Amino acid sequence: MTDDRAAIPFAEPGHDHRACSGAVLKRAEALCAARGARLTDIRRKVLAALAADHAPAGAYDVIERLAEDGGRPPAPITVYRALDFLLAHGLAHRIESRNAYVACSHEHGEGEEGPTVFLICERCGAVGEAATADFAEALEALARASGFRPRSPVIEVSGECAHCRNAMREAS
């Protein structure tokens, strides 16, 4: 039993990224409205900076992206607070191995506790977010058999995305 998020975790090359990042912001607005949470201007800008690319961005990368608009860049603590809010509401994820963040590419179900799998391309830096029921069941069985209780089941897998592999094949 596989869920749709495992089907195509990476955006297709040449996709309409404005629509993609716009969908992230619309989903964030709807989720915050439903929860009574405030998606302030700075939180929206930080999320938009993360959604501007499928590669993870560190807090200082976000500050640089926000400064590109010509305005005064926000203080690091302001960006970290916005990131904390986005993480708490499932609107962004932290990529531990990169000490960076990505905008969440899908809506997590209420009470969803299965593992999130991040596929990280070592060539282009893109991050694909995926989850499968089969993987969740296997991880749960492994944890149960070893008497382990996972606190935050997040798996990061580094490798090469199909686009980069195909580009390498075409180049050779």
N, C-alpha and C. Protein backbone atom coordinates (compact mmCIF):
# COMPACT_ATOMS: atom_id res chain seq x y z
N MET A 1 0.85 -1.17 0.00
CA MET A 1 0.00 0.00 0.00
C MET A 1 0.90 1.23 0.00
N THR A 2 0.83 2.02 -1.05
CA THR A 2 1.69 3.18 -1.20
C THR A 2 0.83 4.42 -1.29
N ASP A 3 1.31 5.49 -0.70
CA ASP A 3 0.51 6.70 -0.78
C ASP A 3 1.10 7.62 -1.84
N ASP A 4 0.27 8.56 -2.33
CA ASP A 4 0.64 9.37 -3.49
C ASP A 4 1.91 10.18 -3.31
N ARG A 5 2.25 10.53 -2.09
CA ARG A 5 3.42 11.37 -1.89
C ARG A 5 4.70 10.65 -2.25
N ALA A 6 4.67 9.33 -2.36
CA ALA A 6 5.88 8.60 -2.74
C ALA A 6 6.05 8.54 -4.25
N ALA A 7 4.98 8.82 -4.99
CA ALA A 7 5.02 8.64 -6.44
C ALA A 7 6.06 9.53 -7.12
N ILE A 8 5.98 10.83 -6.95
CA ILE A 8 6.90 11.75 -7.61
C ILE A 8 7.32 12.82 -6.60
N PRO A 9 8.33 12.52 -5.78
CA PRO A 9 8.71 13.49 -4.76
C PRO A 9 9.47 14.70 -5.29
N PHE A 10 10.04 14.62 -6.50
CA PHE A 10 10.79 15.74 -7.07
C PHE A 10 9.95 16.44 -8.12
N ALA A 11 10.09 17.74 -8.18
CA ALA A 11 9.40 18.51 -9.22
C ALA A 11 10.05 18.19 -10.56
N GLU A 12 9.23 18.13 -11.58
CA GLU A 12 9.74 17.89 -12.93
C GLU A 12 10.52 19.11 -13.41
N PRO A 13 11.63 18.91 -14.11
CA PRO A 13 12.36 20.05 -14.67
C PRO A 13 11.42 20.86 -15.58
N GLY A 14 11.51 22.17 -15.48
CA GLY A 14 10.69 23.03 -16.31
C GLY A 14 9.26 23.22 -15.81
N HIS A 15 8.95 22.70 -14.60
CA HIS A 15 7.59 22.89 -14.09
C HIS A 15 7.35 24.36 -13.78
N ASP A 16 6.11 24.75 -13.65
CA ASP A 16 5.75 26.13 -13.34
C ASP A 16 6.00 26.36 -11.85
N HIS A 17 7.18 26.86 -11.53
CA HIS A 17 7.55 27.00 -10.12
C HIS A 17 6.75 28.09 -9.43
N ARG A 18 6.31 29.10 -10.17
CA ARG A 18 5.48 30.13 -9.54
C ARG A 18 4.19 29.53 -9.02
N ALA A 19 3.60 28.63 -9.80
CA ALA A 19 2.38 27.95 -9.36
C ALA A 19 2.68 27.06 -8.16
N CYS A 20 3.81 26.40 -8.22
CA CYS A 20 4.25 25.51 -7.14
C CYS A 20 4.42 26.29 -5.83
N SER A 21 5.17 27.39 -5.86
CA SER A 21 5.39 28.17 -4.64
C SER A 21 4.11 28.89 -4.23
N GLY A 22 3.30 29.28 -5.20
CA GLY A 22 2.01 29.89 -4.87
C GLY A 22 1.10 28.93 -4.13
N ALA A 23 1.14 27.66 -4.52
CA ALA A 23 0.33 26.64 -3.85
C ALA A 23 0.78 26.45 -2.41
N VAL A 24 2.09 26.54 -2.17
CA VAL A 24 2.62 26.42 -0.80
C VAL A 24 2.07 27.55 0.06
N LEU A 25 2.08 28.77 -0.48
CA LEU A 25 1.59 29.93 0.28
C LEU A 25 0.08 29.86 0.51
N LYS A 26 -0.68 29.43 -0.51
CA LYS A 26 -2.13 29.30 -0.35
C LYS A 26 -2.48 28.27 0.72
N ARG A 27 -1.76 27.14 0.70
CA ARG A 27 -2.00 26.10 1.68
C ARG A 27 -1.67 26.60 3.08
N ALA A 28 -0.60 27.38 3.20
CA ALA A 28 -0.21 27.94 4.49
C ALA A 28 -1.28 28.89 5.01
N GLU A 29 -1.80 29.73 4.13
CA GLU A 29 -2.86 30.67 4.54
C GLU A 29 -4.09 29.91 5.03
N ALA A 30 -4.49 28.90 4.29
CA ALA A 30 -5.68 28.12 4.66
C ALA A 30 -5.46 27.38 5.97
N LEU A 31 -4.30 26.78 6.13
CA LEU A 31 -4.00 26.03 7.34
C LEU A 31 -3.97 26.95 8.56
N CYS A 32 -3.32 28.09 8.42
CA CYS A 32 -3.25 29.04 9.54
C CYS A 32 -4.63 29.58 9.89
N ALA A 33 -5.44 29.88 8.88
CA ALA A 33 -6.80 30.36 9.13
C ALA A 33 -7.61 29.30 9.87
N ALA A 34 -7.49 28.05 9.45
CA ALA A 34 -8.24 26.96 10.10
C ALA A 34 -7.80 26.74 11.54
N ARG A 35 -6.53 26.99 11.81
CA ARG A 35 -5.99 26.77 13.16
C ARG A 35 -6.03 28.02 14.03
N GLY A 36 -6.41 29.13 13.45
CA GLY A 36 -6.41 30.38 14.20
C GLY A 36 -4.99 30.88 14.47
N ALA A 37 -4.05 30.49 13.63
CA ALA A 37 -2.66 30.92 13.77
C ALA A 37 -2.42 32.11 12.84
N ARG A 38 -1.53 33.00 13.24
CA ARG A 38 -1.27 34.19 12.44
C ARG A 38 -0.09 33.98 11.51
N LEU A 39 -0.36 34.04 10.23
CA LEU A 39 0.71 34.01 9.23
C LEU A 39 1.09 35.46 8.97
N THR A 40 1.96 35.98 9.83
CA THR A 40 2.36 37.39 9.74
C THR A 40 3.13 37.65 8.46
N ASP A 41 3.37 38.91 8.18
CA ASP A 41 4.09 39.29 6.97
C ASP A 41 5.48 38.65 6.93
N ILE A 42 6.21 38.68 8.03
CA ILE A 42 7.57 38.12 8.03
C ILE A 42 7.51 36.59 7.89
N ARG A 43 6.55 35.95 8.51
CA ARG A 43 6.41 34.49 8.36
C ARG A 43 6.10 34.12 6.92
N ARG A 44 5.24 34.90 6.29
CA ARG A 44 4.89 34.68 4.88
C ARG A 44 6.13 34.88 4.00
N LYS A 45 6.89 35.93 4.27
CA LYS A 45 8.08 36.20 3.47
C LYS A 45 9.13 35.10 3.63
N VAL A 46 9.30 34.61 4.86
CA VAL A 46 10.27 33.53 5.09
C VAL A 46 9.81 32.27 4.36
N LEU A 47 8.51 31.96 4.45
CA LEU A 47 7.99 30.79 3.73
C LEU A 47 8.15 30.96 2.22
N ALA A 48 7.88 32.15 1.72
CA ALA A 48 8.05 32.42 0.28
C ALA A 48 9.51 32.25 -0.13
N ALA A 49 10.44 32.68 0.72
CA ALA A 49 11.87 32.52 0.42
C ALA A 49 12.24 31.04 0.37
N LEU A 50 11.67 30.24 1.26
CA LEU A 50 11.93 28.80 1.23
C LEU A 50 11.30 28.16 0.00
N ALA A 51 10.10 28.59 -0.33
CA ALA A 51 9.37 28.01 -1.46
C ALA A 51 9.94 28.45 -2.81
N ALA A 52 10.83 29.44 -2.80
CA ALA A 52 11.41 29.94 -4.04
C ALA A 52 12.32 28.93 -4.72
N ASP A 53 12.68 27.88 -4.00
CA ASP A 53 13.60 26.88 -4.55
C ASP A 53 13.29 25.53 -3.90
N HIS A 54 13.58 24.46 -4.61
CA HIS A 54 13.37 23.13 -4.04
C HIS A 54 14.59 22.64 -3.28
N ALA A 55 15.64 23.44 -3.26
CA ALA A 55 16.83 23.11 -2.48
C ALA A 55 16.68 23.72 -1.09
N PRO A 56 17.24 23.07 -0.07
CA PRO A 56 17.13 23.62 1.28
C PRO A 56 17.90 24.93 1.42
N ALA A 57 17.43 25.79 2.31
CA ALA A 57 18.08 27.07 2.57
C ALA A 57 18.30 27.23 4.06
N GLY A 58 19.47 27.72 4.43
CA GLY A 58 19.75 28.03 5.82
C GLY A 58 19.12 29.37 6.18
N ALA A 59 19.10 29.68 7.46
CA ALA A 59 18.50 30.93 7.92
C ALA A 59 19.18 32.14 7.28
N TYR A 60 20.49 32.10 7.15
CA TYR A 60 21.18 33.24 6.55
C TYR A 60 20.95 33.31 5.04
N ASP A 61 20.70 32.18 4.40
CA ASP A 61 20.30 32.18 2.99
C ASP A 61 18.94 32.88 2.85
N VAL A 62 18.05 32.60 3.78
CA VAL A 62 16.72 33.24 3.78
C VAL A 62 16.88 34.74 3.93
N ILE A 63 17.75 35.16 4.86
CA ILE A 63 17.99 36.60 5.06
C ILE A 63 18.49 37.24 3.77
N GLU A 64 19.42 36.58 3.08
CA GLU A 64 19.94 37.10 1.81
C GLU A 64 18.82 37.20 0.77
N ARG A 65 17.97 36.18 0.69
CA ARG A 65 16.87 36.21 -0.28
C ARG A 65 15.92 37.37 0.02
N LEU A 66 15.66 37.60 1.30
CA LEU A 66 14.76 38.69 1.66
C LEU A 66 15.39 40.05 1.40
N ALA A 67 16.71 40.14 1.52
CA ALA A 67 17.41 41.41 1.28
C ALA A 67 17.46 41.75 -0.21
N GLU A 68 17.28 40.74 -1.08
CA GLU A 68 17.31 40.98 -2.53
C GLU A 68 16.20 41.92 -2.99
N ASP A 69 15.15 42.04 -2.19
CA ASP A 69 14.04 42.93 -2.55
C ASP A 69 14.39 44.39 -2.34
N GLY A 70 15.60 44.65 -1.85
CA GLY A 70 16.04 46.02 -1.66
C GLY A 70 15.70 46.60 -0.31
N GLY A 71 14.93 45.90 0.46
CA GLY A 71 14.59 46.40 1.79
C GLY A 71 15.66 46.04 2.80
N ARG A 72 15.43 46.46 4.00
CA ARG A 72 16.36 46.15 5.08
C ARG A 72 16.19 44.68 5.46
N PRO A 73 17.28 43.92 5.52
CA PRO A 73 17.14 42.50 5.86
C PRO A 73 16.71 42.33 7.31
N PRO A 74 15.90 41.32 7.58
CA PRO A 74 15.47 41.08 8.96
C PRO A 74 16.63 40.56 9.81
N ALA A 75 16.52 40.75 11.10
CA ALA A 75 17.53 40.23 12.03
C ALA A 75 17.45 38.71 12.05
N PRO A 76 18.58 38.04 12.25
CA PRO A 76 18.56 36.57 12.30
C PRO A 76 17.54 36.01 13.28
N ILE A 77 17.41 36.61 14.45
CA ILE A 77 16.46 36.08 15.45
C ILE A 77 15.03 36.14 14.92
N THR A 78 14.73 37.15 14.13
CA THR A 78 13.39 37.28 13.53
C THR A 78 13.14 36.13 12.56
N VAL A 79 14.14 35.81 11.76
CA VAL A 79 14.01 34.71 10.80
C VAL A 79 13.90 33.38 11.54
N TYR A 80 14.73 33.19 12.57
CA TYR A 80 14.65 31.94 13.34
C TYR A 80 13.29 31.77 14.01
N ARG A 81 12.72 32.85 14.50
CA ARG A 81 11.38 32.77 15.11
C ARG A 81 10.33 32.41 14.06
N ALA A 82 10.45 33.00 12.89
CA ALA A 82 9.51 32.67 11.80
C ALA A 82 9.68 31.20 11.40
N LEU A 83 10.92 30.73 11.32
CA LEU A 83 11.16 29.32 10.98
C LEU A 83 10.57 28.40 12.04
N ASP A 84 10.72 28.77 13.31
CA ASP A 84 10.13 27.96 14.40
C ASP A 84 8.62 27.85 14.22
N PHE A 85 7.97 28.95 13.88
CA PHE A 85 6.53 28.94 13.64
C PHE A 85 6.19 28.01 12.48
N LEU A 86 6.91 28.15 11.38
CA LEU A 86 6.64 27.34 10.19
C LEU A 86 6.85 25.85 10.48
N LEU A 87 7.88 25.52 11.24
CA LEU A 87 8.13 24.13 11.62
C LEU A 87 7.00 23.61 12.50
N ALA A 88 6.61 24.40 13.48
CA ALA A 88 5.57 23.98 14.43
C ALA A 88 4.24 23.72 13.74
N HIS A 89 3.98 24.41 12.64
CA HIS A 89 2.71 24.26 11.93
C HIS A 89 2.82 23.36 10.70
N GLY A 90 3.96 22.69 10.54
CA GLY A 90 4.12 21.76 9.42
C GLY A 90 4.20 22.43 8.06
N LEU A 91 4.57 23.70 8.04
CA LEU A 91 4.67 24.43 6.78
C LEU A 91 6.08 24.39 6.20
N ALA A 92 7.02 23.96 7.01
CA ALA A 92 8.41 23.81 6.58
C ALA A 92 9.00 22.64 7.35
N HIS A 93 10.11 22.14 6.84
CA HIS A 93 10.82 21.05 7.49
C HIS A 93 12.29 21.42 7.62
N ARG A 94 12.91 20.92 8.65
CA ARG A 94 14.35 21.11 8.83
C ARG A 94 15.06 19.90 8.24
N ILE A 95 16.04 20.17 7.42
CA ILE A 95 16.90 19.12 6.86
C ILE A 95 18.15 19.12 7.73
N GLU A 96 18.18 18.20 8.69
CA GLU A 96 19.24 18.16 9.69
C GLU A 96 20.63 18.05 9.08
N SER A 97 20.79 17.19 8.08
CA SER A 97 22.12 16.97 7.51
C SER A 97 22.67 18.21 6.80
N ARG A 98 21.80 19.13 6.45
CA ARG A 98 22.22 20.35 5.76
C ARG A 98 22.11 21.59 6.65
N ASN A 99 21.59 21.43 7.86
CA ASN A 99 21.33 22.55 8.75
C ASN A 99 20.55 23.63 7.99
N ALA A 100 19.49 23.17 7.32
CA ALA A 100 18.72 24.06 6.46
C ALA A 100 17.25 23.65 6.48
N TYR A 101 16.44 24.41 5.75
CA TYR A 101 14.99 24.24 5.78
C TYR A 101 14.44 24.18 4.36
N VAL A 102 13.29 23.51 4.22
CA VAL A 102 12.56 23.49 2.96
C VAL A 102 11.09 23.75 3.27
N ALA A 103 10.41 24.37 2.32
CA ALA A 103 8.97 24.53 2.45
C ALA A 103 8.34 23.15 2.31
N CYS A 104 7.30 22.88 3.08
CA CYS A 104 6.63 21.59 3.00
C CYS A 104 5.88 21.52 1.67
N SER A 105 6.06 20.39 0.99
CA SER A 105 5.48 20.25 -0.34
C SER A 105 4.09 19.62 -0.35
N HIS A 106 3.59 19.23 0.79
CA HIS A 106 2.26 18.61 0.82
C HIS A 106 1.61 18.84 2.18
N GLU A 107 0.35 18.53 2.24
CA GLU A 107 -0.39 18.67 3.49
C GLU A 107 -0.28 17.39 4.29
N HIS A 108 0.16 17.52 5.52
CA HIS A 108 0.24 16.36 6.40
C HIS A 108 -1.14 16.12 6.99
N GLY A 109 -1.53 14.87 7.07
CA GLY A 109 -2.83 14.53 7.64
C GLY A 109 -2.87 14.79 9.13
N GLU A 110 -4.05 15.01 9.64
CA GLU A 110 -4.24 15.23 11.07
C GLU A 110 -3.74 14.01 11.83
N GLY A 111 -2.84 14.22 12.77
CA GLY A 111 -2.32 13.14 13.58
C GLY A 111 -1.36 12.22 12.84
N GLU A 112 -0.92 12.63 11.66
CA GLU A 112 0.00 11.81 10.88
C GLU A 112 1.32 11.67 11.63
N GLU A 113 1.69 10.43 11.89
CA GLU A 113 2.90 10.21 12.66
C GLU A 113 3.91 9.36 11.92
N GLY A 114 3.60 8.96 10.72
CA GLY A 114 4.53 8.13 9.96
C GLY A 114 5.77 8.91 9.60
N PRO A 115 6.80 8.20 9.17
CA PRO A 115 8.05 8.88 8.86
C PRO A 115 7.95 9.70 7.58
N THR A 116 8.63 10.82 7.61
CA THR A 116 8.80 11.62 6.41
C THR A 116 10.18 11.30 5.88
N VAL A 117 10.26 11.05 4.59
CA VAL A 117 11.52 10.71 3.96
C VAL A 117 11.92 11.86 3.03
N PHE A 118 13.12 12.35 3.23
CA PHE A 118 13.64 13.40 2.36
C PHE A 118 14.71 12.79 1.47
N LEU A 119 14.51 12.89 0.17
CA LEU A 119 15.48 12.43 -0.82
C LEU A 119 16.26 13.66 -1.28
N ILE A 120 17.55 13.68 -0.99
CA ILE A 120 18.36 14.88 -1.21
C ILE A 120 19.36 14.62 -2.34
N CYS A 121 19.23 15.37 -3.42
CA CYS A 121 20.14 15.20 -4.55
C CYS A 121 21.47 15.90 -4.24
N GLU A 122 22.54 15.13 -4.31
CA GLU A 122 23.87 15.68 -4.02
C GLU A 122 24.39 16.56 -5.15
N ARG A 123 23.82 16.46 -6.34
CA ARG A 123 24.28 17.26 -7.48
C ARG A 123 23.59 18.62 -7.54
N CYS A 124 22.26 18.62 -7.61
CA CYS A 124 21.54 19.88 -7.80
C CYS A 124 21.02 20.46 -6.49
N GLY A 125 21.02 19.66 -5.43
CA GLY A 125 20.57 20.15 -4.13
C GLY A 125 19.07 20.05 -3.89
N ALA A 126 18.32 19.62 -4.90
CA ALA A 126 16.86 19.52 -4.73
C ALA A 126 16.52 18.51 -3.65
N VAL A 127 15.43 18.78 -2.96
CA VAL A 127 14.94 17.88 -1.92
C VAL A 127 13.54 17.44 -2.30
N GLY A 128 13.33 16.13 -2.32
CA GLY A 128 12.01 15.56 -2.55
C GLY A 128 11.47 15.04 -1.24
N GLU A 129 10.24 15.35 -0.94
CA GLU A 129 9.60 14.89 0.29
C GLU A 129 8.66 13.75 -0.06
N ALA A 130 8.78 12.65 0.65
CA ALA A 130 7.95 11.49 0.35
C ALA A 130 7.59 10.76 1.63
N ALA A 131 6.56 9.95 1.53
CA ALA A 131 6.17 9.06 2.63
C ALA A 131 5.40 7.91 2.00
N THR A 132 5.58 6.74 2.54
CA THR A 132 4.82 5.60 2.06
C THR A 132 4.32 4.82 3.26
N ALA A 133 3.14 4.27 3.13
CA ALA A 133 2.57 3.46 4.20
C ALA A 133 3.43 2.22 4.44
N ASP A 134 3.94 1.62 3.36
CA ASP A 134 4.79 0.43 3.51
C ASP A 134 6.02 0.73 4.35
N PHE A 135 6.65 1.85 4.07
CA PHE A 135 7.86 2.23 4.80
C PHE A 135 7.52 2.51 6.26
N ALA A 136 6.40 3.18 6.49
CA ALA A 136 5.97 3.48 7.86
C ALA A 136 5.75 2.20 8.64
N GLU A 137 5.11 1.23 8.01
CA GLU A 137 4.85 -0.05 8.68
C GLU A 137 6.15 -0.78 8.99
N ALA A 138 7.09 -0.78 8.04
CA ALA A 138 8.38 -1.45 8.26
C ALA A 138 9.17 -0.78 9.38
N LEU A 139 9.17 0.54 9.41
CA LEU A 139 9.89 1.25 10.46
C LEU A 139 9.25 1.01 11.82
N GLU A 140 7.92 1.00 11.85
CA GLU A 140 7.20 0.74 13.10
C GLU A 140 7.52 -0.67 13.61
N ALA A 141 7.55 -1.65 12.72
CA ALA A 141 7.86 -3.03 13.11
C ALA A 141 9.29 -3.13 13.64
N LEU A 142 10.23 -2.46 12.99
CA LEU A 142 11.62 -2.47 13.44
C LEU A 142 11.75 -1.85 14.83
N ALA A 143 11.11 -0.71 15.02
CA ALA A 143 11.16 -0.04 16.32
C ALA A 143 10.53 -0.91 17.40
N ARG A 144 9.37 -1.48 17.09
CA ARG A 144 8.67 -2.32 18.06
C ARG A 144 9.53 -3.54 18.44
N ALA A 145 10.14 -4.18 17.45
CA ALA A 145 10.96 -5.37 17.70
C ALA A 145 12.17 -5.07 18.57
N SER A 146 12.68 -3.85 18.48
CA SER A 146 13.85 -3.50 19.27
C SER A 146 13.49 -2.73 20.54
N GLY A 147 12.19 -2.58 20.80
CA GLY A 147 11.76 -1.88 22.01
C GLY A 147 12.03 -0.39 21.95
N PHE A 148 12.13 0.15 20.75
CA PHE A 148 12.46 1.56 20.56
C PHE A 148 11.20 2.35 20.25
N ARG A 149 11.10 3.53 20.82
CA ARG A 149 9.96 4.40 20.54
C ARG A 149 10.46 5.66 19.82
N PRO A 150 10.25 5.74 18.51
CA PRO A 150 10.74 6.91 17.77
C PRO A 150 10.02 8.19 18.20
N ARG A 151 10.78 9.25 18.35
CA ARG A 151 10.23 10.54 18.72
C ARG A 151 9.90 11.37 17.48
N SER A 152 10.82 11.41 16.55
CA SER A 152 10.55 12.16 15.31
C SER A 152 11.11 11.35 14.14
N PRO A 153 10.25 10.54 13.54
CA PRO A 153 10.72 9.68 12.46
C PRO A 153 10.92 10.43 11.14
N VAL A 154 12.13 10.94 10.97
CA VAL A 154 12.50 11.64 9.74
C VAL A 154 13.74 10.94 9.19
N ILE A 155 13.69 10.59 7.92
CA ILE A 155 14.81 9.92 7.29
C ILE A 155 15.30 10.79 6.14
N GLU A 156 16.61 11.00 6.07
CA GLU A 156 17.22 11.75 4.99
C GLU A 156 18.10 10.81 4.19
N VAL A 157 17.85 10.76 2.89
CA VAL A 157 18.61 9.88 2.00
C VAL A 157 19.29 10.74 0.94
N SER A 158 20.61 10.67 0.87
CA SER A 158 21.37 11.42 -0.14
C SER A 158 21.62 10.55 -1.35
N GLY A 159 21.64 11.16 -2.51
CA GLY A 159 21.90 10.44 -3.75
C GLY A 159 21.76 11.38 -4.93
N GLU A 160 21.32 10.86 -6.05
CA GLU A 160 21.13 11.66 -7.25
C GLU A 160 19.70 11.53 -7.75
N CYS A 161 19.11 12.66 -8.07
CA CYS A 161 17.75 12.63 -8.62
C CYS A 161 17.80 12.14 -10.07
N ALA A 162 16.66 11.74 -10.58
CA ALA A 162 16.57 11.22 -11.95
C ALA A 162 17.02 12.26 -12.97
N HIS A 163 16.65 13.52 -12.74
CA HIS A 163 17.03 14.58 -13.68
C HIS A 163 18.56 14.68 -13.79
N CYS A 164 19.27 14.66 -12.66
CA CYS A 164 20.73 14.76 -12.69
C CYS A 164 21.36 13.50 -13.29
N ARG A 165 20.81 12.34 -12.98
CA ARG A 165 21.33 11.09 -13.56
C ARG A 165 21.16 11.11 -15.08
N ASN A 166 20.00 11.55 -15.55
CA ASN A 166 19.75 11.63 -16.99
C ASN A 166 20.68 12.64 -17.66
N ALA A 167 20.91 13.77 -17.00
CA ALA A 167 21.80 14.80 -17.54
C ALA A 167 23.23 14.25 -17.64
N MET A 168 23.65 13.47 -16.66
CA MET A 168 24.99 12.87 -16.69
C MET A 168 25.10 11.86 -17.83
N ARG A 169 24.04 11.07 -18.03
CA ARG A 169 24.03 10.09 -19.11
C ARG A 169 24.12 10.77 -20.47
N GLU A 170 23.37 11.86 -20.63
CA GLU A 170 23.37 12.58 -21.90
C GLU A 170 24.71 13.25 -22.17
N ALA A 171 25.41 13.66 -21.10
CA ALA A 171 26.70 14.33 -21.25
C ALA A 171 27.81 13.36 -21.62
N SER A 172 27.61 12.08 -21.32
CA SER A 172 28.69 11.12 -21.62
C SER A 172 28.51 10.39 -22.92
